[in-house]
N, C-alpha and C. Protein backbone atom coordinates (compact mmCIF):
# COMPACT_ATOMS: atom_id res chain seq x y z
N MET A 1 78.07 113.09 128.65
CA MET A 1 78.34 112.74 127.21
C MET A 1 79.20 111.46 127.55
N ARG A 2 78.88 111.42 125.83
CA ARG A 2 79.96 109.69 126.04
C ARG A 2 81.26 110.46 125.55
N ILE A 3 82.41 110.23 125.75
CA ILE A 3 83.86 110.21 124.53
C ILE A 3 84.63 109.37 124.14
N LEU A 4 84.45 108.89 123.21
CA LEU A 4 85.40 108.37 122.59
C LEU A 4 86.54 108.27 121.93
N SER A 5 87.48 107.63 121.83
CA SER A 5 88.67 108.04 121.65
C SER A 5 88.89 107.92 120.13
N TRP A 6 90.08 108.49 119.40
CA TRP A 6 89.97 108.28 118.10
C TRP A 6 90.58 107.38 117.69
N GLN A 7 90.10 106.28 116.98
CA GLN A 7 90.41 105.24 116.08
C GLN A 7 90.60 104.93 114.96
N PRO A 8 91.21 104.58 114.31
CA PRO A 8 91.61 104.45 112.58
C PRO A 8 90.70 103.65 112.08
N ARG A 9 90.14 104.32 110.62
CA ARG A 9 88.79 103.46 109.91
C ARG A 9 88.66 101.98 110.72
N GLY A 10 87.31 101.73 111.49
CA GLY A 10 87.39 100.22 111.46
C GLY A 10 87.47 99.70 112.69
N GLY A 11 88.91 100.84 113.36
CA GLY A 11 89.94 100.05 114.68
C GLY A 11 89.04 99.47 116.49
N LEU A 12 88.24 100.13 116.11
CA LEU A 12 87.36 99.74 117.79
C LEU A 12 86.85 98.21 117.41
N ARG A 13 85.87 98.00 116.18
CA ARG A 13 85.59 96.73 115.65
C ARG A 13 86.57 95.64 115.60
N LYS A 14 87.81 96.25 115.06
CA LYS A 14 88.85 95.26 114.62
C LYS A 14 89.61 94.77 116.21
N ARG A 15 89.55 95.69 117.22
CA ARG A 15 90.18 95.44 118.68
C ARG A 15 89.22 94.84 118.95
N GLU A 16 87.93 94.85 119.28
CA GLU A 16 87.00 94.15 119.66
C GLU A 16 86.77 92.71 119.10
N PHE A 17 87.21 92.32 117.83
CA PHE A 17 87.37 91.09 117.28
C PHE A 17 88.22 90.32 117.92
N LEU A 18 89.60 91.12 117.82
CA LEU A 18 90.83 90.27 118.27
C LEU A 18 90.16 89.92 119.79
N TYR A 19 90.01 90.96 120.54
CA TYR A 19 90.20 90.92 122.24
C TYR A 19 88.95 89.40 122.20
N ASN A 20 87.79 89.65 121.83
CA ASN A 20 86.76 88.57 122.15
C ASN A 20 87.72 87.10 121.49
N GLY A 21 88.13 86.90 120.36
CA GLY A 21 88.78 86.01 119.74
C GLY A 21 89.88 85.14 120.97
N LEU A 22 90.22 86.17 120.88
CA LEU A 22 91.65 85.70 121.91
C LEU A 22 91.27 85.07 123.32
N ASN A 23 89.97 85.69 124.07
CA ASN A 23 89.24 85.05 125.21
C ASN A 23 88.58 84.02 124.66
N ALA A 24 87.91 83.48 123.68
CA ALA A 24 87.42 82.39 123.05
C ALA A 24 88.48 81.31 123.28
N ILE A 25 89.77 81.53 123.43
CA ILE A 25 90.59 79.92 123.10
C ILE A 25 90.94 79.93 124.52
N ALA A 26 90.67 78.73 124.58
CA ALA A 26 91.11 78.04 125.74
C ALA A 26 92.37 78.18 126.18
N GLY A 27 92.98 78.83 127.18
CA GLY A 27 94.18 78.71 127.52
C GLY A 27 94.73 79.87 127.20
N LEU A 28 94.14 80.80 126.94
CA LEU A 28 94.75 82.59 126.96
C LEU A 28 93.60 82.91 127.60
N LYS A 29 94.33 84.51 128.09
CA LYS A 29 93.41 85.70 128.63
C LYS A 29 94.76 87.01 128.33
N ALA A 30 93.61 87.54 126.79
CA ALA A 30 93.83 88.71 126.65
C ALA A 30 93.25 89.93 127.74
N TYR A 31 94.12 90.70 127.91
CA TYR A 31 94.15 92.44 129.26
C TYR A 31 93.57 93.16 128.29
N PRO A 32 92.56 94.16 128.93
CA PRO A 32 91.98 94.94 128.11
C PRO A 32 93.30 95.92 127.54
N SER A 33 92.85 96.78 126.62
CA SER A 33 93.95 97.44 126.45
C SER A 33 93.62 98.64 125.14
N SER A 34 93.84 100.16 125.53
CA SER A 34 93.20 101.18 124.62
C SER A 34 94.57 101.31 123.92
N ALA A 35 95.73 100.74 124.04
CA ALA A 35 96.92 100.39 123.02
C ALA A 35 96.51 99.91 121.91
N ASN A 36 97.32 100.08 120.62
CA ASN A 36 96.80 99.10 119.29
C ASN A 36 97.39 97.57 119.33
N TYR A 37 97.54 97.12 120.75
CA TYR A 37 98.18 95.51 120.88
C TYR A 37 97.56 95.54 122.43
N PHE A 38 97.46 93.87 122.29
CA PHE A 38 96.85 93.27 123.69
C PHE A 38 98.02 92.50 124.22
N LEU A 39 98.15 92.31 125.63
CA LEU A 39 98.83 91.59 126.54
C LEU A 39 97.72 90.39 126.59
N VAL A 40 99.04 88.84 126.58
CA VAL A 40 97.82 87.87 126.50
C VAL A 40 98.80 86.85 127.14
N LYS A 41 98.16 86.45 128.05
CA LYS A 41 98.74 85.28 129.18
C LYS A 41 98.50 83.82 128.77
N ILE A 42 99.36 83.07 128.54
CA ILE A 42 99.05 81.74 128.37
C ILE A 42 99.09 81.10 129.74
N LEU A 43 97.54 80.32 129.39
CA LEU A 43 97.22 79.73 130.61
C LEU A 43 97.88 78.36 131.07
N GLN A 44 97.55 77.87 129.61
CA GLN A 44 98.28 76.53 129.11
C GLN A 44 99.88 75.54 129.91
N LYS A 45 99.46 75.00 130.99
CA LYS A 45 101.02 74.16 131.30
C LYS A 45 102.48 74.07 129.93
N ASP A 46 103.35 74.42 130.45
CA ASP A 46 104.25 73.74 129.40
C ASP A 46 104.69 74.46 128.17
N ILE A 47 104.10 75.77 127.67
CA ILE A 47 103.81 76.40 126.76
C ILE A 47 104.27 77.98 127.04
N SER A 48 105.30 78.15 126.65
CA SER A 48 106.33 79.22 126.67
C SER A 48 105.89 79.97 125.53
N SER A 49 105.85 81.74 125.74
CA SER A 49 105.81 82.64 124.59
C SER A 49 106.75 82.17 123.68
N ALA A 50 108.08 82.29 123.88
CA ALA A 50 109.08 81.87 122.86
C ALA A 50 108.45 80.81 121.96
N THR A 51 108.35 79.37 122.29
CA THR A 51 107.99 78.75 121.72
C THR A 51 106.40 78.52 120.76
N LEU A 52 105.37 79.58 121.58
CA LEU A 52 104.09 79.94 120.92
C LEU A 52 104.95 80.89 119.20
N GLN A 53 105.82 81.94 119.57
CA GLN A 53 106.62 82.72 119.12
C GLN A 53 106.90 82.31 117.59
N ALA A 54 107.69 80.83 118.07
CA ALA A 54 108.66 80.00 116.95
C ALA A 54 107.41 79.85 116.16
N ALA A 55 106.52 79.09 116.72
CA ALA A 55 105.78 78.31 115.77
C ALA A 55 104.53 79.12 115.23
N LEU A 56 104.72 80.42 116.06
CA LEU A 56 104.08 81.57 114.79
C LEU A 56 104.47 81.73 113.70
N LEU A 57 105.49 82.03 114.12
CA LEU A 57 106.63 82.89 113.02
C LEU A 57 106.62 81.72 111.98
N SER A 58 106.89 80.75 112.03
CA SER A 58 106.74 79.59 110.83
C SER A 58 105.71 79.19 109.72
N GLU A 59 104.68 80.08 110.60
CA GLU A 59 103.48 80.66 109.64
C GLU A 59 102.98 81.88 109.22
N GLY A 60 104.27 82.54 109.71
CA GLY A 60 104.34 83.55 109.14
C GLY A 60 103.57 84.97 110.12
N ILE A 61 103.77 84.84 110.91
CA ILE A 61 102.90 85.60 111.82
C ILE A 61 103.86 86.10 112.81
N LEU A 62 103.87 87.14 113.72
CA LEU A 62 104.73 87.60 114.57
C LEU A 62 104.04 88.17 116.21
N ILE A 63 104.45 87.61 116.83
CA ILE A 63 104.09 88.08 118.41
C ILE A 63 105.16 88.60 119.07
N ARG A 64 104.95 89.30 120.19
CA ARG A 64 106.33 89.59 121.01
C ARG A 64 105.96 89.19 122.16
N ASP A 65 107.34 88.21 122.08
CA ASP A 65 107.50 87.48 123.36
C ASP A 65 107.93 88.87 124.41
N CYS A 66 107.36 88.66 125.22
CA CYS A 66 107.48 89.21 126.51
C CYS A 66 108.02 89.38 128.19
N SER A 67 109.05 87.88 127.91
CA SER A 67 108.99 87.38 128.98
C SER A 67 110.45 88.04 129.77
N LEU A 68 110.90 89.07 128.81
CA LEU A 68 111.75 90.05 129.67
C LEU A 68 111.35 91.25 130.39
N PHE A 69 110.63 90.96 129.83
CA PHE A 69 109.63 92.78 130.73
C PHE A 69 109.27 92.83 132.30
N PRO A 70 109.95 93.62 133.00
CA PRO A 70 109.81 93.69 134.01
C PRO A 70 108.23 93.73 134.30
N GLY A 71 108.10 92.24 135.26
CA GLY A 71 106.70 92.02 136.37
C GLY A 71 106.17 90.77 135.63
N MET A 72 106.65 90.30 134.09
CA MET A 72 106.05 89.39 133.55
C MET A 72 107.45 87.88 133.10
N ASP A 73 106.41 86.76 132.49
CA ASP A 73 107.19 85.75 133.00
C ASP A 73 107.27 84.96 131.49
N SER A 74 107.75 84.30 130.86
CA SER A 74 107.80 83.18 129.86
C SER A 74 105.91 83.11 129.29
N THR A 75 105.11 83.87 130.11
CA THR A 75 103.87 82.89 129.85
C THR A 75 103.20 84.39 129.49
N PHE A 76 103.49 85.76 129.16
CA PHE A 76 103.17 86.40 128.20
C PHE A 76 103.65 86.97 127.31
N PHE A 77 102.74 87.27 126.05
CA PHE A 77 102.87 87.72 124.60
C PHE A 77 102.19 89.08 124.65
N ARG A 78 102.51 89.53 123.42
CA ARG A 78 101.77 90.88 123.28
C ARG A 78 101.46 90.66 121.80
N VAL A 79 100.26 90.71 121.05
CA VAL A 79 99.92 90.77 119.68
C VAL A 79 99.32 92.72 118.99
N ALA A 80 99.57 92.70 118.34
CA ALA A 80 99.56 93.97 117.66
C ALA A 80 98.12 93.94 116.64
N VAL A 81 97.05 94.73 117.25
CA VAL A 81 95.81 94.59 116.19
C VAL A 81 96.02 95.09 114.78
N ARG A 82 95.39 94.21 113.63
CA ARG A 82 96.07 94.42 112.62
C ARG A 82 94.43 94.50 111.77
N ARG A 83 94.70 94.55 110.22
CA ARG A 83 93.34 94.05 109.64
C ARG A 83 92.60 92.88 109.78
N ARG A 84 91.30 93.40 110.17
CA ARG A 84 90.32 92.00 110.63
C ARG A 84 91.05 90.54 109.97
N GLU A 85 91.19 90.76 108.50
CA GLU A 85 91.77 89.26 108.08
C GLU A 85 92.94 88.42 108.62
N GLU A 86 93.54 89.69 109.35
CA GLU A 86 95.10 89.06 109.33
C GLU A 86 94.65 88.61 111.17
N ASN A 87 93.69 89.33 111.91
CA ASN A 87 93.48 89.20 112.97
C ASN A 87 92.65 87.90 112.88
N ARG A 88 91.72 87.58 112.09
CA ARG A 88 91.44 86.30 111.68
C ARG A 88 92.34 85.07 111.69
N THR A 89 93.17 85.24 110.76
CA THR A 89 94.32 84.29 110.62
C THR A 89 95.01 84.00 111.65
N PHE A 90 96.07 85.15 112.58
CA PHE A 90 96.53 84.73 113.50
C PHE A 90 95.34 84.08 114.78
N ILE A 91 94.13 84.60 114.91
CA ILE A 91 93.18 83.91 115.74
C ILE A 91 93.12 82.15 115.31
N ASP A 92 93.04 82.24 114.23
CA ASP A 92 93.01 80.60 113.53
C ASP A 92 94.34 79.84 113.69
N ALA A 93 95.13 80.27 113.42
CA ALA A 93 96.59 80.10 113.98
C ALA A 93 97.06 79.59 115.07
N ILE A 94 96.70 80.18 116.55
CA ILE A 94 97.02 80.13 117.57
C ILE A 94 96.19 78.93 118.09
N LYS A 95 94.72 79.24 117.80
CA LYS A 95 93.92 78.23 118.20
C LYS A 95 94.11 77.05 117.43
N LYS A 96 94.53 76.72 116.38
CA LYS A 96 95.46 75.20 115.55
C LYS A 96 96.20 74.43 116.48
N LEU A 97 97.36 76.11 116.99
CA LEU A 97 98.58 75.33 117.44
C LEU A 97 97.93 74.96 119.19
N LEU A 98 97.25 75.80 119.72
CA LEU A 98 96.88 75.32 121.37
C LEU A 98 96.13 73.94 120.92
N ASP A 99 95.04 73.80 120.38
CA ASP A 99 93.79 72.68 120.63
C ASP A 99 94.56 71.43 120.03
N ILE A 100 95.78 71.58 119.16
CA ILE A 100 96.20 70.09 118.73
C ILE A 100 97.29 69.99 119.58
N ASN A 101 97.86 70.52 120.80
CA ASN A 101 98.91 70.83 121.74
C ASN A 101 100.49 70.70 121.17
N CYS A 102 100.25 70.84 119.52
CA CYS A 102 101.82 70.35 119.44
C CYS A 102 103.24 71.59 119.51
N LEU A 103 102.82 71.89 120.83
CA LEU A 103 103.81 73.14 120.98
C LEU A 103 104.47 72.13 122.45
N THR A 104 104.24 71.31 122.97
CA THR A 104 104.98 70.94 124.42
C THR A 104 105.48 69.52 123.90
């Protein structure tokens, strides 16, 4: 018997889209989650979650800096699963910021 947890309409597809999109970006590692957000580690040196948060905020995108969470440091942030269009906008924005290396 297969048990599926309840997800809002299209929730599972949105989660997979965001998770796969984040892990396809060089310099990021998203961790699996059953919550409505993903914990992400920044693998690129010299980029902090606070710096990334500020850069994304200027684009109208909000992430949660997790640097003060117990057991984490300035390389962790959290992002909520949103509508597919919003997830795509987020993935495109963070990819652009990391690809052009404008955060260091």
